[in-house]
């Protein structure tokens, strides 16, 4: 009975022209708008770590040069534990000055400083990267990076300027916005449709029919949840395909599918709870928008997590939305699967699923 109800619900959704248009257009709009804004983030506040493996006077000079561009108080000298600082969001990015850096400058060979962004506040890392890369490009052809510049101020030089490169040279920052696009697309669809799902039944007096056919409250709730979860997974995977085509980002399909399924099931459950407990459609819409807004801000895309007060930062980083996006972004950067975060999201999904099924009793009442 649950499967039949889910299929009926899906047919009802696709019969409504506006719902169908929304489902088709949403992935495209979210992908294009997110990629557009990802290119336009300004450097508001940041913390950049520099790991100097070369330890030469010339690499120290480069560190001071970076400090003059991004303000010295925002630059931190770090050690081998920089990866933990990146994962915790205490640093927005780290630049590694590799061994042999000075020797490459002396030999007039192109030099590279490795740039590693934090998976917490990707937009700030992107801003840092774009600013530094642009400034370094402007210094090409100048004498600033001639190792002899400290001894001979006036010199003619064609020493190549150091450039920044991501740790994974195949990645671009536009690729790393993919987690937000994929998951937020599913959140928009599942919450916005599920939060008013029971009101559509009430408007057409379908509750009376469900009672006549002796449909149980848990079958009703589960049928709705299955239908909207399938819908959420579908639009998220559509967004995944679009990002693969537009950004050429490399992501594990198995990991993406698992996280997409958890994300869609979680937010469908939340949307159904909102629909079940709301006294009218307007209240359900307001609560649905609030859920979407909370998801947007806790993802770190709208406001950098590191800019929040410490207690809000802890709350945001503990939300299932943040953990879901963080897991996929961490995989993109390090090819590491964060089992702890997946389990964490799974537990929250199970809790909200149980609550949403139980909330079906508020809709299907007998006597």
Protein backbone atom coordinates (compact mmCIF):
# COMPACT_ATOMS: atom_id res chain seq x y z
CA UNK A 1 0.00 0.00 0.00
CA UNK A 2 2.89 2.33 0.81
CA UNK A 3 4.43 1.86 -2.65
CA UNK A 4 1.08 2.48 -4.38
CA UNK A 5 0.55 5.67 -2.38
CA UNK A 6 4.06 6.85 -3.27
CA UNK A 7 3.39 6.26 -6.98
CA UNK A 8 0.05 8.09 -6.76
CA UNK A 9 1.76 11.02 -5.04
CA UNK A 10 4.42 11.22 -7.75
CA UNK A 11 1.75 11.17 -10.47
CA UNK A 12 -0.09 14.01 -8.73
CA UNK A 13 3.12 16.07 -8.57
CA UNK A 14 3.91 15.61 -12.26
CA UNK A 15 0.33 16.43 -13.28
CA UNK A 16 0.67 19.92 -11.77
CA UNK A 17 2.37 22.11 -14.36
CA UNK A 18 4.00 24.48 -11.88
CA UNK A 19 5.44 21.60 -9.84
CA UNK A 20 6.81 20.00 -12.98
CA UNK A 21 8.35 23.29 -14.17
CA UNK A 22 9.89 23.85 -10.72
CA UNK A 23 11.41 20.37 -10.65
CA UNK A 24 12.97 20.82 -14.11
CA UNK A 25 14.20 24.41 -13.69
CA UNK A 26 15.50 24.25 -10.08
CA UNK A 27 18.65 22.14 -10.74
CA UNK A 28 19.61 24.33 -13.70
CA UNK A 29 19.10 27.60 -11.80
CA UNK A 30 20.92 26.43 -8.67
CA UNK A 31 23.90 25.21 -10.71
CA UNK A 32 24.23 28.36 -12.82
CA UNK A 33 23.61 30.86 -10.00
CA UNK A 34 26.00 29.06 -7.61
CA UNK A 35 28.79 28.91 -10.19
CA UNK A 36 28.25 32.59 -11.00
CA UNK A 37 28.42 33.77 -7.39
CA UNK A 38 31.36 31.47 -6.64
CA UNK A 39 33.44 33.58 -9.00
CA UNK A 40 32.41 36.83 -7.32
CA UNK A 41 33.16 36.37 -3.62
CA UNK A 42 35.07 39.23 -2.04
CA UNK A 43 37.79 38.82 0.55
CA UNK A 44 36.02 39.87 3.76
CA UNK A 45 37.98 38.15 6.52
CA UNK A 46 40.47 35.36 6.38
CA UNK A 47 43.24 33.45 8.07
CA UNK A 48 46.03 32.14 5.85
CA UNK A 49 48.66 29.69 7.04
CA UNK A 50 52.10 29.44 5.41
CA UNK A 51 54.18 26.29 5.74
CA UNK A 52 57.75 27.14 4.76
CA UNK A 53 59.60 23.92 3.89
CA UNK A 54 62.43 25.78 2.17
CA UNK A 55 63.45 27.96 5.14
CA UNK A 56 65.63 30.22 2.99
CA UNK A 57 65.85 33.98 3.10
CA UNK A 58 64.11 34.11 -0.25
CA UNK A 59 61.12 32.06 0.90
CA UNK A 60 60.91 34.29 3.99
CA UNK A 61 60.85 37.27 1.65
CA UNK A 62 57.92 35.76 -0.21
CA UNK A 63 56.09 35.26 3.10
CA UNK A 64 56.53 38.94 3.90
CA UNK A 65 55.37 39.83 0.41
CA UNK A 66 52.15 37.83 0.92
CA UNK A 67 51.70 39.52 4.29
CA UNK A 68 51.80 42.98 2.68
CA UNK A 69 49.00 41.95 0.30
CA UNK A 70 46.67 40.24 2.77
CA UNK A 71 47.60 42.09 5.98
CA UNK A 72 50.30 40.62 8.17
CA UNK A 73 47.94 39.93 11.10
CA UNK A 74 45.98 37.51 8.87
CA UNK A 75 49.07 35.43 8.10
CA UNK A 76 50.07 32.53 10.38
CA UNK A 77 53.22 30.44 10.15
CA UNK A 78 52.22 26.80 10.55
CA UNK A 79 53.88 23.42 10.94
CA UNK A 80 53.10 19.92 9.76
CA UNK A 81 49.76 19.92 11.62
CA UNK A 82 48.21 22.37 9.14
CA UNK A 83 45.76 19.74 7.81
CA UNK A 84 43.96 19.58 11.17
CA UNK A 85 43.70 23.38 11.28
CA UNK A 86 42.17 23.39 7.79
CA UNK A 87 39.62 20.71 8.67
CA UNK A 88 38.60 22.54 11.86
CA UNK A 89 38.11 25.81 9.98
CA UNK A 90 40.79 27.61 11.99
CA UNK A 91 42.58 28.40 8.72
CA UNK A 92 40.89 29.31 5.45
CA UNK A 93 43.83 28.09 3.41
CA UNK A 94 47.50 27.09 3.60
CA UNK A 95 50.31 27.90 1.20
CA UNK A 96 53.25 25.50 1.15
CA UNK A 97 56.59 26.89 0.01
CA UNK A 98 58.36 23.67 -1.06
CA UNK A 99 61.95 22.66 -0.53
CA UNK A 100 64.28 23.88 -3.24
CA UNK A 101 62.22 27.02 -3.80
CA UNK A 102 65.26 29.34 -3.63
CA UNK A 103 67.29 27.04 -5.85
CA UNK A 104 64.57 27.18 -8.51
CA UNK A 105 64.57 31.00 -8.34
CA UNK A 106 68.35 31.10 -8.77
CA UNK A 107 68.08 28.78 -11.76
CA UNK A 108 65.39 30.97 -13.32
CA UNK A 109 63.03 28.02 -13.45
CA UNK A 110 59.25 28.35 -12.87
CA UNK A 111 58.39 27.91 -9.21
CA UNK A 112 55.17 26.71 -7.59
CA UNK A 113 53.71 27.32 -4.16
CA UNK A 114 51.11 24.70 -3.25
CA UNK A 115 47.74 26.17 -2.25
CA UNK A 116 45.45 24.02 -0.04
CA UNK A 117 41.95 25.39 0.70
CA UNK A 118 39.93 24.57 3.80
CA UNK A 119 36.79 22.49 3.19
CA UNK A 120 34.94 24.66 5.75
CA UNK A 121 34.86 28.12 4.10
CA UNK A 122 35.59 27.45 0.47
CA UNK A 123 34.51 30.88 -0.75
CA UNK A 124 37.09 32.67 1.41
CA UNK A 125 39.78 30.30 0.17
CA UNK A 126 38.72 31.06 -3.40
CA UNK A 127 38.97 34.80 -2.72
CA UNK A 128 42.47 34.43 -1.24
CA UNK A 129 43.59 32.33 -4.19
CA UNK A 130 42.21 34.75 -6.79
CA UNK A 131 43.76 37.82 -5.11
CA UNK A 132 47.22 36.29 -4.72
CA UNK A 133 47.25 34.69 -8.15
CA UNK A 134 46.28 38.00 -9.76
CA UNK A 135 48.95 39.96 -7.87
CA UNK A 136 51.66 37.42 -8.65
CA UNK A 137 50.72 37.51 -12.31
CA UNK A 138 51.10 41.31 -12.29
CA UNK A 139 54.67 40.93 -10.98
CA UNK A 140 55.69 38.80 -13.94
CA UNK A 141 58.62 40.43 -15.71
CA UNK A 142 59.60 42.60 -12.73
CA UNK A 143 62.82 42.32 -10.74
CA UNK A 144 61.02 41.70 -7.45
CA UNK A 145 61.62 37.94 -7.40
CA UNK A 146 65.26 38.12 -8.49
CA UNK A 147 67.20 36.47 -5.60
CA UNK A 148 69.84 39.18 -5.94
CA UNK A 149 67.35 42.00 -5.45
CA UNK A 150 68.34 42.50 -1.82
CA UNK A 151 71.96 43.05 -2.83
CA UNK A 152 71.40 44.97 -6.01
CA UNK A 153 68.23 47.04 -5.85
CA UNK A 154 68.47 48.20 -9.44
CA UNK A 155 68.69 45.15 -11.61
CA UNK A 156 67.26 43.89 -14.83
CA UNK A 157 65.72 40.47 -14.38
CA UNK A 158 63.64 37.91 -16.18
CA UNK A 159 63.28 35.57 -13.22
CA UNK A 160 59.88 33.84 -13.41
CA UNK A 161 57.38 34.82 -10.72
CA UNK A 162 56.17 32.03 -8.38
CA UNK A 163 52.59 30.97 -9.10
CA UNK A 164 49.94 29.24 -7.02
CA UNK A 165 48.66 25.77 -7.75
CA UNK A 166 46.07 23.68 -5.93
CA UNK A 167 47.34 20.50 -4.28
CA UNK A 168 45.30 18.54 -6.81
CA UNK A 169 46.20 20.29 -10.04
CA UNK A 170 43.09 18.93 -11.78
CA UNK A 171 40.79 20.80 -9.38
CA UNK A 172 39.39 24.30 -9.74
CA UNK A 173 37.41 26.30 -7.20
CA UNK A 174 34.36 26.13 -9.41
CA UNK A 175 34.61 22.33 -9.04
CA UNK A 176 34.58 22.57 -5.24
CA UNK A 177 31.22 24.37 -5.12
CA UNK A 178 29.58 21.16 -6.40
CA UNK A 179 28.51 19.83 -2.94
CA UNK A 180 26.42 22.94 -2.28
CA UNK A 181 24.79 22.73 -5.70
CA UNK A 182 23.97 19.04 -5.42
CA UNK A 183 22.55 19.01 -1.92
CA UNK A 184 20.84 22.39 -1.85
CA UNK A 185 18.93 21.51 -5.02
CA UNK A 186 17.45 18.49 -3.23
CA UNK A 187 16.69 20.56 -0.13
CA UNK A 188 14.75 23.15 -2.15
CA UNK A 189 12.57 20.55 -3.84
CA UNK A 190 11.91 18.21 -0.90
CA UNK A 191 11.19 20.86 1.73
CA UNK A 192 9.14 23.20 -0.47
CA UNK A 193 6.89 20.39 -1.76
CA UNK A 194 6.71 18.15 1.31
CA UNK A 195 5.81 20.98 3.70
CA UNK A 196 2.43 21.46 1.98
CA UNK A 197 1.77 17.85 0.94
CA UNK A 198 -0.96 17.12 3.52
CA UNK A 199 -2.80 20.35 2.71
CA UNK A 200 -3.23 19.26 -0.90
CA UNK A 201 -4.97 16.13 0.38
CA UNK A 202 -7.22 18.18 2.66
CA UNK A 203 -8.19 20.54 -0.16
CA UNK A 204 -9.49 17.58 -2.20
CA UNK A 205 -10.91 15.69 0.82
CA UNK A 206 -8.64 12.75 0.13
CA UNK A 207 -8.38 12.10 3.87
CA UNK A 208 -11.95 10.80 3.81
CA UNK A 209 -11.03 8.32 1.09
CA UNK A 210 -7.95 7.17 3.01
CA UNK A 211 -10.11 6.51 6.06
CA UNK A 212 -12.68 4.56 4.03
CA UNK A 213 -9.94 2.33 2.58
CA UNK A 214 -8.55 1.84 6.09
CA UNK A 215 -5.16 3.33 5.28
CA UNK A 216 -3.01 3.42 8.43
CA UNK A 217 -1.26 6.62 9.54
CA UNK A 218 2.21 5.09 9.15
CA UNK A 219 1.47 3.86 5.60
CA UNK A 220 0.23 7.35 4.70
CA UNK A 221 3.33 9.04 6.11
CA UNK A 222 5.77 6.54 4.63
CA UNK A 223 4.13 6.75 1.19
CA UNK A 224 4.52 10.53 1.17
CA UNK A 225 8.11 10.35 2.40
CA UNK A 226 9.12 7.75 -0.21
CA UNK A 227 7.59 9.83 -3.03
CA UNK A 228 9.32 13.09 -2.14
CA UNK A 229 12.60 11.37 -1.31
CA UNK A 230 12.66 9.84 -4.81
CA UNK A 231 11.99 13.29 -6.19
CA UNK A 232 14.78 14.85 -4.11
CA UNK A 233 17.27 12.19 -5.14
CA UNK A 234 16.33 12.65 -8.80
CA UNK A 235 16.84 16.43 -8.88
CA UNK A 236 20.06 16.17 -6.86
CA UNK A 237 21.46 13.62 -9.30
CA UNK A 238 20.38 15.89 -12.17
CA UNK A 239 22.39 18.69 -10.52
CA UNK A 240 25.29 16.25 -10.11
CA UNK A 241 25.25 15.47 -13.83
CA UNK A 242 25.13 19.18 -14.71
CA UNK A 243 28.08 19.99 -12.46
CA UNK A 244 30.07 17.13 -13.98
CA UNK A 245 29.37 18.53 -17.44
CA UNK A 246 30.07 22.18 -16.56
CA UNK A 247 32.94 21.86 -14.09
CA UNK A 248 34.50 18.47 -14.88
CA UNK A 249 34.78 17.86 -11.13
CA UNK A 250 35.71 14.34 -10.08
CA UNK A 251 33.46 12.81 -7.42
CA UNK A 252 32.74 9.24 -6.37
CA UNK A 253 29.25 8.39 -7.63
CA UNK A 254 28.72 5.87 -4.82
CA UNK A 255 29.57 8.48 -2.17
CA UNK A 256 27.47 11.14 -3.92
CA UNK A 257 24.48 8.79 -4.18
CA UNK A 258 24.71 7.80 -0.51
CA UNK A 259 24.91 11.41 0.69
CA UNK A 260 22.18 12.52 -1.73
CA UNK A 261 19.86 9.77 -0.47
CA UNK A 262 20.47 10.72 3.18
CA UNK A 263 20.08 14.43 2.42
CA UNK A 264 16.80 13.94 0.53
CA UNK A 265 15.33 11.55 3.11
CA UNK A 266 16.29 13.87 5.97
CA UNK A 267 14.75 16.99 4.45
CA UNK A 268 11.68 15.18 3.15
CA UNK A 269 11.11 13.98 6.72
CA UNK A 270 11.51 17.52 8.05
CA UNK A 271 9.16 18.87 5.37
CA UNK A 272 6.50 16.27 6.17
CA UNK A 273 6.73 17.03 9.89
CA UNK A 274 6.19 20.72 9.09
CA UNK A 275 3.15 19.85 6.99
CA UNK A 276 1.70 17.55 9.66
CA UNK A 277 2.04 19.97 12.59
CA UNK A 278 1.07 23.20 10.77
CA UNK A 279 -2.47 24.46 11.32
CA UNK A 280 -2.71 26.14 7.90
CA UNK A 281 -0.91 26.29 4.57
CA UNK A 282 0.59 29.76 5.17
CA UNK A 283 2.27 28.61 8.37
CA UNK A 284 3.61 25.52 6.58
CA UNK A 285 5.09 27.71 3.83
CA UNK A 286 6.72 30.03 6.37
CA UNK A 287 8.22 27.11 8.31
CA UNK A 288 9.38 25.51 5.05
CA UNK A 289 11.17 28.69 3.99
CA UNK A 290 12.75 28.87 7.47
CA UNK A 291 14.09 25.33 7.13
CA UNK A 292 15.56 26.16 3.71
CA UNK A 293 17.10 29.36 5.11
CA UNK A 294 18.68 27.52 8.03
CA UNK A 295 20.11 24.95 5.62
CA UNK A 296 21.52 27.72 3.42
CA UNK A 297 23.27 29.54 6.27
CA UNK A 298 24.53 26.42 8.05
CA UNK A 299 26.07 25.20 4.80
CA UNK A 300 28.54 28.09 4.98
CA UNK A 301 27.73 29.23 1.45
CA UNK A 302 25.81 32.42 2.34
CA UNK A 303 27.92 33.48 5.35
CA UNK A 304 31.44 32.17 6.09
CA UNK A 305 31.30 29.82 9.08
CA UNK A 306 34.54 31.28 10.45
CA UNK A 307 32.91 34.73 10.66
CA UNK A 308 30.25 33.51 13.10
CA UNK A 309 30.56 33.84 16.89
CA UNK A 310 32.14 30.75 18.42
CA UNK A 311 28.90 29.28 19.77
CA UNK A 312 27.09 29.77 16.43
CA UNK A 313 30.08 28.35 14.60
CA UNK A 314 29.87 25.18 16.71
CA UNK A 315 26.14 24.88 16.07
CA UNK A 316 26.50 25.40 12.31
CA UNK A 317 29.32 22.84 12.04
CA UNK A 318 27.18 20.32 13.93
CA UNK A 319 24.22 20.49 11.54
CA UNK A 320 23.60 17.54 9.18
CA UNK A 321 23.64 19.94 6.20
CA UNK A 322 27.16 21.12 6.98
CA UNK A 323 28.39 17.58 7.71
CA UNK A 324 26.98 16.32 4.40
CA UNK A 325 28.62 19.04 2.30
CA UNK A 326 31.83 18.84 4.31
CA UNK A 327 32.09 15.09 3.67
CA UNK A 328 31.90 15.43 -0.11
CA UNK A 329 34.18 18.48 -0.19
CA UNK A 330 36.77 16.65 1.93
CA UNK A 331 36.67 13.78 -0.54
CA UNK A 332 37.25 16.20 -3.43
CA UNK A 333 40.28 17.72 -1.71
CA UNK A 334 41.90 14.67 -0.14
CA UNK A 335 40.14 11.59 -1.59
CA UNK A 336 39.31 10.64 2.01
CA UNK A 337 35.90 9.34 3.12
CA UNK A 338 34.75 10.81 6.44
CA UNK A 339 32.94 7.80 7.92
CA UNK A 340 32.24 9.62 11.19
CA UNK A 341 30.33 12.42 9.44
CA UNK A 342 28.36 9.95 7.29
CA UNK A 343 27.33 8.02 10.41
CA UNK A 344 26.41 11.32 12.11
CA UNK A 345 24.15 12.33 9.22
CA UNK A 346 22.68 8.83 9.13
CA UNK A 347 21.69 9.01 12.80
CA UNK A 348 19.97 12.39 12.35
CA UNK A 349 18.20 11.08 9.26
CA UNK A 350 16.90 8.04 11.18
CA UNK A 351 15.66 10.27 14.02
CA UNK A 352 13.74 12.63 11.72
CA UNK A 353 12.40 9.72 9.66
CA UNK A 354 10.95 8.13 12.82
CA UNK A 355 9.45 11.46 13.91
CA UNK A 356 7.95 12.10 10.48
CA UNK A 357 6.32 8.67 10.30
CA UNK A 358 4.88 9.12 13.79
CA UNK A 359 3.57 12.57 12.81
CA UNK A 360 1.30 10.79 10.33
CA UNK A 361 -1.01 10.19 13.31
CA UNK A 362 -1.73 13.93 13.34
CA UNK A 363 -3.06 13.73 9.78
CA UNK A 364 -4.85 10.36 9.63
CA UNK A 365 -7.12 10.33 12.64
CA UNK A 366 -9.91 7.92 13.42
CA UNK A 367 -12.47 9.01 15.97
